[in-house]
Amino acid sequence: MEDLSIVIVNYKTWENLSLCLESILKQSEIEIKVIVVDNNSKDNQISFFKQKYDWVHWIENSQNFGFAKACNIGASFIKSKWSLFLNPDTILESNSMSSLIKYCDINSEHRIIGIKQFDQNKNHTNSFGIFLNFWSLSGIMRYLIRIIKGSYRSMNLKEIAHPDWISGSFVLIRKKDFNFLNGWDENYWMYYEDMDLCKRAEKFNLKVSLLNNWSCTHFHGGSSRKNNKIKIITKSEVIVSSHIFLEKHSKTSIKYLNHLLLITLQSIELLIMGGFSSFKRKILINSINYWIKGIFKNIWETKRSQF
């Protein structure tokens, strides 16, 4: 049986995916099963990749189900103790997974595990953050909270840090913990599903850990920034997912207030930026239609976007 199973969700990120798979091939002293879930790329590339990387278990979805559902589909094929959810625009350091798994086997207190991430220019990408709640809705408040809890710099300098949540671009988790948490929440089509997973883990005292002695390269936005149309859809989805998170995790007494405050802050930003950017204006138009349904009907889940 494999020591580790890696689930990668792909949508038209073939060049990055190739680099990612090649980096997995450079892992030694560990048995790895790789599962690539293609979210209906429809660009005639998958046949070539299935031939070139015939050691990969390929899954072809009938439509773009989004990140969370595609991850759950991939996870259903995992039999190993450890699962790694990895973005296709991520490159692993050579021979890094064996030592990471050995360390985590010994140090069982780490349950939702991330590692340090750099961009292609070797800058920290700060692949972690604080939970969205009443106190962190504005940028100023998030800045003050980071001063109290630990700045990005201090989190990156520690050997082991414990942020509220880690990025879904690299999430290492034991299969038993993943099943206990019922996997990724499929109400999120894109964004905030990683924050949600860590929030649910917190409720059961499953520690979220950032292990900075290990690192990877993450290029960011491989599938979400291909063109303006896709960027508008995905940036609009950030807003939708933020409200879904608040609806799920806010205290009942302040849930509606949280929505209103977030709408106010989001609309002010888009109104100001929309004066200079047609891109922001289109996101604002998409968001207004969504906010109206939320405010007057208290409906925050919506039919998910497709691209």
Protein backbone atom coordinates (compact mmCIF):
# COMPACT_ATOMS: atom_id res chain seq x y z
CA MET A 1 0.00 0.00 0.00
CA GLU A 2 1.13 3.55 -0.73
CA ASP A 3 2.51 5.77 2.04
CA LEU A 4 0.86 8.86 0.54
CA SER A 5 -1.89 9.67 -1.95
CA ILE A 6 -1.83 13.02 -3.75
CA VAL A 7 -5.03 14.49 -5.17
CA ILE A 8 -4.63 17.22 -7.81
CA VAL A 9 -7.59 19.05 -9.35
CA ASN A 10 -6.85 20.29 -12.86
CA TYR A 11 -8.60 22.73 -15.15
CA LYS A 12 -6.60 23.60 -18.28
CA THR A 13 -3.35 24.00 -16.32
CA TRP A 14 -1.44 21.43 -18.34
CA GLU A 15 1.96 23.12 -18.44
CA ASN A 16 1.96 23.68 -14.68
CA LEU A 17 0.55 20.22 -14.07
CA SER A 18 3.43 18.70 -16.02
CA LEU A 19 5.95 20.49 -13.78
CA CYS A 20 4.03 19.37 -10.70
CA LEU A 21 3.98 15.72 -11.77
CA GLU A 22 7.69 15.82 -12.64
CA SER A 23 8.40 17.12 -9.13
CA ILE A 24 6.45 14.20 -7.67
CA LEU A 25 8.63 11.83 -9.68
CA LYS A 26 11.63 13.29 -7.83
CA GLN A 27 10.37 12.02 -4.46
CA SER A 28 12.34 9.07 -3.11
CA GLU A 29 11.96 6.59 -0.24
CA ILE A 30 8.18 6.89 -0.30
CA GLU A 31 5.37 5.12 -2.18
CA ILE A 32 3.02 7.70 -3.72
CA LYS A 33 -0.27 7.29 -5.55
CA VAL A 34 -1.21 10.31 -7.67
CA ILE A 35 -4.84 11.03 -8.55
CA VAL A 36 -5.54 13.81 -11.04
CA VAL A 37 -9.15 14.95 -11.29
CA ASP A 38 -9.77 16.91 -14.47
CA ASN A 39 -12.69 19.33 -14.16
CA ASN A 40 -13.86 18.97 -17.77
CA SER A 41 -11.05 20.97 -19.41
CA LYS A 42 -12.46 20.15 -22.88
CA ASP A 43 -9.25 21.14 -24.67
CA ASN A 44 -8.16 17.73 -26.03
CA GLN A 45 -5.06 17.64 -23.83
CA ILE A 46 -5.94 14.88 -21.42
CA SER A 47 -5.36 12.00 -23.86
CA PHE A 48 -1.74 13.06 -24.35
CA PHE A 49 -1.21 13.42 -20.60
CA LYS A 50 -2.79 10.05 -19.84
CA GLN A 51 -0.26 8.47 -22.20
CA LYS A 52 2.73 10.44 -20.94
CA TYR A 53 1.88 9.97 -17.25
CA ASP A 54 0.37 6.50 -17.31
CA TRP A 55 1.34 5.97 -13.65
CA VAL A 56 -1.25 8.59 -12.66
CA HIS A 57 -4.82 7.63 -11.82
CA TRP A 58 -6.90 9.94 -14.05
CA ILE A 59 -10.49 10.96 -13.37
CA GLU A 60 -12.46 12.93 -15.98
CA ASN A 61 -15.40 14.90 -14.60
CA SER A 62 -18.42 15.52 -16.82
CA GLN A 63 -18.43 19.21 -15.88
CA ASN A 64 -16.45 21.73 -13.83
CA PHE A 65 -17.59 20.74 -10.34
CA GLY A 66 -15.31 23.22 -8.59
CA PHE A 67 -12.43 22.53 -6.23
CA ALA A 68 -14.14 20.99 -3.19
CA LYS A 69 -16.29 18.43 -5.00
CA ALA A 70 -13.44 17.44 -7.33
CA CYS A 71 -11.18 16.92 -4.29
CA ASN A 72 -13.81 14.70 -2.67
CA ILE A 73 -14.14 12.68 -5.87
CA GLY A 74 -10.38 12.15 -5.91
CA ALA A 75 -10.31 11.35 -2.19
CA SER A 76 -12.78 8.52 -2.68
CA PHE A 77 -9.93 6.57 -4.35
CA ILE A 78 -7.48 7.04 -1.46
CA LYS A 79 -6.49 4.00 0.60
CA SER A 80 -3.27 5.26 2.19
CA LYS A 81 -2.92 6.68 5.69
CA TRP A 82 -1.92 10.11 4.36
CA SER A 83 -3.66 12.36 1.84
CA LEU A 84 -2.15 15.43 0.20
CA PHE A 85 -4.37 17.89 -1.66
CA LEU A 86 -2.05 19.73 -4.02
CA ASN A 87 -2.61 22.45 -6.60
CA PRO A 88 -1.37 21.71 -10.14
CA ASP A 89 0.63 24.97 -10.17
CA THR A 90 2.74 23.72 -7.26
CA ILE A 91 6.24 22.22 -7.42
CA LEU A 92 7.50 20.03 -4.60
CA GLU A 93 11.08 20.16 -3.42
CA SER A 94 13.03 17.04 -4.39
CA ASN A 95 12.91 14.23 -1.83
CA SER A 96 10.84 16.32 0.60
CA MET A 97 7.75 14.19 1.12
CA SER A 98 9.45 11.23 2.76
CA SER A 99 10.95 13.28 5.59
CA LEU A 100 7.72 15.27 6.00
CA ILE A 101 5.60 12.15 6.37
CA LYS A 102 8.09 10.58 8.78
CA TYR A 103 8.07 13.73 10.92
CA CYS A 104 4.27 13.89 10.99
CA ASP A 105 4.02 10.20 11.84
CA ILE A 106 6.12 10.84 14.94
CA ASN A 107 4.53 14.19 15.84
CA SER A 108 0.88 13.24 15.78
CA GLU A 109 -0.35 16.55 17.24
CA HIS A 110 -0.17 18.12 13.76
CA ARG A 111 -3.47 17.29 12.04
CA ILE A 112 -4.12 19.80 9.21
CA ILE A 113 -0.67 20.43 7.80
CA GLY A 114 0.77 23.02 5.45
CA ILE A 115 4.32 23.98 4.54
CA LYS A 116 6.08 27.19 3.56
CA GLN A 117 5.27 28.37 0.04
CA PHE A 118 7.31 30.58 -2.28
CA ASP A 119 6.41 32.08 -5.63
CA GLN A 120 8.64 31.70 -8.68
CA ASN A 121 10.72 34.67 -7.47
CA LYS A 122 11.31 33.03 -4.07
CA ASN A 123 9.02 35.47 -2.25
CA HIS A 124 6.81 34.21 0.59
CA THR A 125 3.23 33.74 -0.60
CA ASN A 126 1.81 33.70 2.96
CA SER A 127 -0.33 30.65 2.36
CA PHE A 128 -2.30 31.00 5.61
CA GLY A 129 -4.51 33.49 7.41
CA ILE A 130 -7.05 34.31 10.09
CA PHE A 131 -10.68 33.23 10.14
CA LEU A 132 -13.33 35.50 8.67
CA ASN A 133 -15.64 36.74 11.44
CA PHE A 134 -17.15 39.95 12.82
CA TRP A 135 -13.73 41.21 13.96
CA SER A 136 -11.87 40.47 10.74
CA LEU A 137 -14.26 41.78 8.09
CA SER A 138 -12.19 44.89 7.34
CA GLY A 139 -8.60 45.08 6.21
CA ILE A 140 -7.67 47.35 9.11
CA MET A 141 -9.05 44.91 11.67
CA ARG A 142 -7.25 41.99 10.00
CA TYR A 143 -4.01 43.96 10.20
CA LEU A 144 -4.50 44.59 13.93
CA ILE A 145 -5.39 40.95 14.57
CA ARG A 146 -2.24 39.84 12.78
CA ILE A 147 -0.20 42.10 15.07
CA ILE A 148 -1.74 40.34 18.08
CA LYS A 149 -1.64 36.79 16.74
CA GLY A 150 1.59 37.10 14.77
CA SER A 151 2.46 38.85 11.54
CA TYR A 152 3.06 37.09 8.24
CA ARG A 153 6.78 37.58 8.82
CA SER A 154 6.75 36.01 12.29
CA MET A 155 4.65 33.09 11.06
CA ASN A 156 7.11 32.45 8.23
CA LEU A 157 10.15 32.64 10.52
CA LYS A 158 8.94 30.08 13.05
CA GLU A 159 9.84 26.44 12.52
CA ILE A 160 6.26 25.58 13.44
CA ALA A 161 3.41 28.09 13.34
CA HIS A 162 -0.29 27.63 14.05
CA PRO A 163 -2.36 29.99 11.88
CA ASP A 164 -6.15 29.79 11.85
CA TRP A 165 -6.15 28.25 8.39
CA ILE A 166 -3.78 27.13 5.65
CA SER A 167 -4.15 27.38 1.89
CA GLY A 168 -5.84 24.57 -0.02
CA SER A 169 -2.91 24.59 -2.44
CA PHE A 170 -1.08 22.21 -0.06
CA VAL A 171 -3.05 20.40 2.63
CA LEU A 172 -1.63 17.26 4.17
CA ILE A 173 -4.08 15.31 6.33
CA ARG A 174 -4.55 11.80 7.64
CA LYS A 175 -7.31 9.88 5.88
CA LYS A 176 -9.05 9.17 9.21
CA ASP A 177 -9.17 12.91 10.03
CA PHE A 178 -10.40 13.76 6.53
CA ASN A 179 -13.21 11.23 6.84
CA PHE A 180 -14.03 12.39 10.37
CA LEU A 181 -14.48 15.95 9.05
CA ASN A 182 -16.61 14.65 6.14
CA GLY A 183 -14.13 15.96 3.60
CA TRP A 184 -14.36 19.26 1.80
CA ASP A 185 -17.65 21.18 1.94
CA GLU A 186 -19.06 21.13 -1.59
CA ASN A 187 -21.18 24.24 -0.97
CA TYR A 188 -17.97 26.12 -1.84
CA TRP A 189 -17.35 26.00 -5.56
CA MET A 190 -14.08 27.90 -5.36
CA TYR A 191 -12.33 29.69 -2.45
CA TYR A 192 -12.88 29.53 1.33
CA GLU A 193 -13.16 25.76 1.33
CA ASP A 194 -9.71 25.61 2.94
CA MET A 195 -10.71 28.09 5.65
CA ASP A 196 -13.89 26.09 6.23
CA LEU A 197 -11.99 22.80 6.61
CA CYS A 198 -9.67 24.37 9.19
CA LYS A 199 -12.58 25.98 11.03
CA ARG A 200 -14.30 22.63 11.37
CA ALA A 201 -11.02 21.08 12.51
CA GLU A 202 -10.69 23.75 15.21
CA LYS A 203 -14.06 22.80 16.64
CA PHE A 204 -12.72 19.30 17.32
CA ASN A 205 -9.30 20.50 18.54
CA LEU A 206 -7.51 19.18 15.46
CA LYS A 207 -4.43 21.38 15.30
CA VAL A 208 -3.66 23.35 12.14
CA SER A 209 0.11 23.49 11.68
CA LEU A 210 2.47 25.26 9.29
CA LEU A 211 5.76 23.32 9.15
CA ASN A 212 8.26 25.80 7.78
CA ASN A 213 11.22 23.44 7.56
CA TRP A 214 9.61 22.14 4.38
CA SER A 215 8.68 24.28 1.40
CA CYS A 216 7.32 24.23 -2.13
CA THR A 217 6.87 26.63 -5.03
CA HIS A 218 3.38 27.84 -5.86
CA PHE A 219 2.73 29.86 -9.01
CA HIS A 220 -0.87 30.89 -8.12
CA GLY A 221 -3.87 31.34 -10.37
CA GLY A 222 -3.05 28.69 -12.96
CA SER A 223 -6.70 28.06 -13.81
CA SER A 224 -8.39 31.13 -12.30
CA ARG A 225 -6.52 33.85 -14.22
CA LYS A 226 -6.46 32.55 -17.79
CA ASN A 227 -8.50 35.43 -19.20
CA ASN A 228 -10.68 38.33 -18.04
CA LYS A 229 -13.91 36.34 -18.29
CA ILE A 230 -12.58 33.63 -15.97
CA LYS A 231 -11.03 36.23 -13.64
CA ILE A 232 -14.39 37.99 -13.28
CA ILE A 233 -16.15 34.70 -12.50
CA THR A 234 -13.55 33.61 -9.94
CA LYS A 235 -13.25 37.00 -8.22
CA SER A 236 -17.05 37.14 -7.98
CA GLU A 237 -16.89 33.67 -6.47
CA VAL A 238 -14.60 34.94 -3.71
CA ILE A 239 -17.45 37.20 -2.59
CA VAL A 240 -20.05 34.42 -2.75
CA SER A 241 -17.85 32.03 -0.78
CA SER A 242 -17.12 34.62 1.91
CA HIS A 243 -20.84 34.93 2.62
CA ILE A 244 -21.32 31.16 2.60
CA PHE A 245 -18.58 30.91 5.22
CA LEU A 246 -20.21 33.61 7.39
CA GLU A 247 -23.62 31.98 7.07
CA LYS A 248 -22.19 28.64 8.19
CA HIS A 249 -19.88 29.75 10.98
CA SER A 250 -21.23 33.02 12.43
CA LYS A 251 -23.14 33.10 15.70
CA THR A 252 -26.86 33.14 14.97
CA SER A 253 -27.37 36.42 16.84
CA ILE A 254 -24.97 38.37 14.58
CA LYS A 255 -25.13 36.33 11.38
CA TYR A 256 -27.25 38.80 9.40
CA LEU A 257 -25.26 41.76 10.74
CA ASN A 258 -22.05 40.10 9.55
CA HIS A 259 -23.50 39.78 6.05
CA LEU A 260 -24.55 43.44 5.99
CA LEU A 261 -21.19 44.68 7.24
CA LEU A 262 -19.30 42.56 4.72
CA ILE A 263 -21.56 43.73 1.88
CA THR A 264 -20.92 47.34 2.91
CA LEU A 265 -17.15 46.87 2.91
CA GLN A 266 -17.10 44.86 -0.32
CA SER A 267 -19.37 47.31 -2.17
CA ILE A 268 -17.37 50.37 -1.06
CA GLU A 269 -14.15 48.79 -2.34
CA LEU A 270 -15.72 47.78 -5.67
CA LEU A 271 -17.37 51.19 -6.11
CA ILE A 272 -14.09 53.01 -5.58
CA MET A 273 -12.05 50.64 -7.73
CA GLY A 274 -14.83 50.46 -10.32
CA GLY A 275 -14.19 54.08 -11.18
CA PHE A 276 -10.87 53.01 -12.61
CA SER A 277 -11.53 49.44 -13.74
CA SER A 278 -14.24 47.88 -15.92
CA PHE A 279 -13.10 44.56 -14.44
CA LYS A 280 -14.16 45.71 -10.94
CA ARG A 281 -17.43 47.15 -12.28
CA LYS A 282 -18.41 43.75 -13.72
CA ILE A 283 -17.65 42.04 -10.42
CA LEU A 284 -19.82 44.66 -8.68
CA ILE A 285 -22.73 43.98 -11.04
CA ASN A 286 -22.45 40.23 -10.42
CA SER A 287 -22.29 40.81 -6.69
CA ILE A 288 -25.28 43.17 -6.52
CA ASN A 289 -27.55 40.49 -7.98
CA TYR A 290 -26.25 38.01 -5.42
CA TRP A 291 -26.49 40.44 -2.48
CA ILE A 292 -30.12 41.34 -3.26
CA LYS A 293 -31.13 37.70 -2.94
CA GLY A 294 -29.14 37.38 0.27
CA ILE A 295 -30.48 40.55 1.92
CA PHE A 296 -34.14 40.12 1.07
CA LYS A 297 -34.49 36.33 0.94
CA ASN A 298 -31.62 35.31 3.23
CA ILE A 299 -30.37 32.96 0.53
CA TRP A 300 -26.57 32.85 0.43
CA GLU A 301 -25.98 29.62 -1.41
CA THR A 302 -26.38 29.97 -5.13
CA LYS A 303 -26.00 28.05 -8.35
CA ARG A 304 -22.26 27.78 -8.78
CA SER A 305 -20.42 29.44 -11.60
CA GLN A 306 -19.07 27.51 -14.55
CA PHE A 307 -16.18 28.19 -16.93
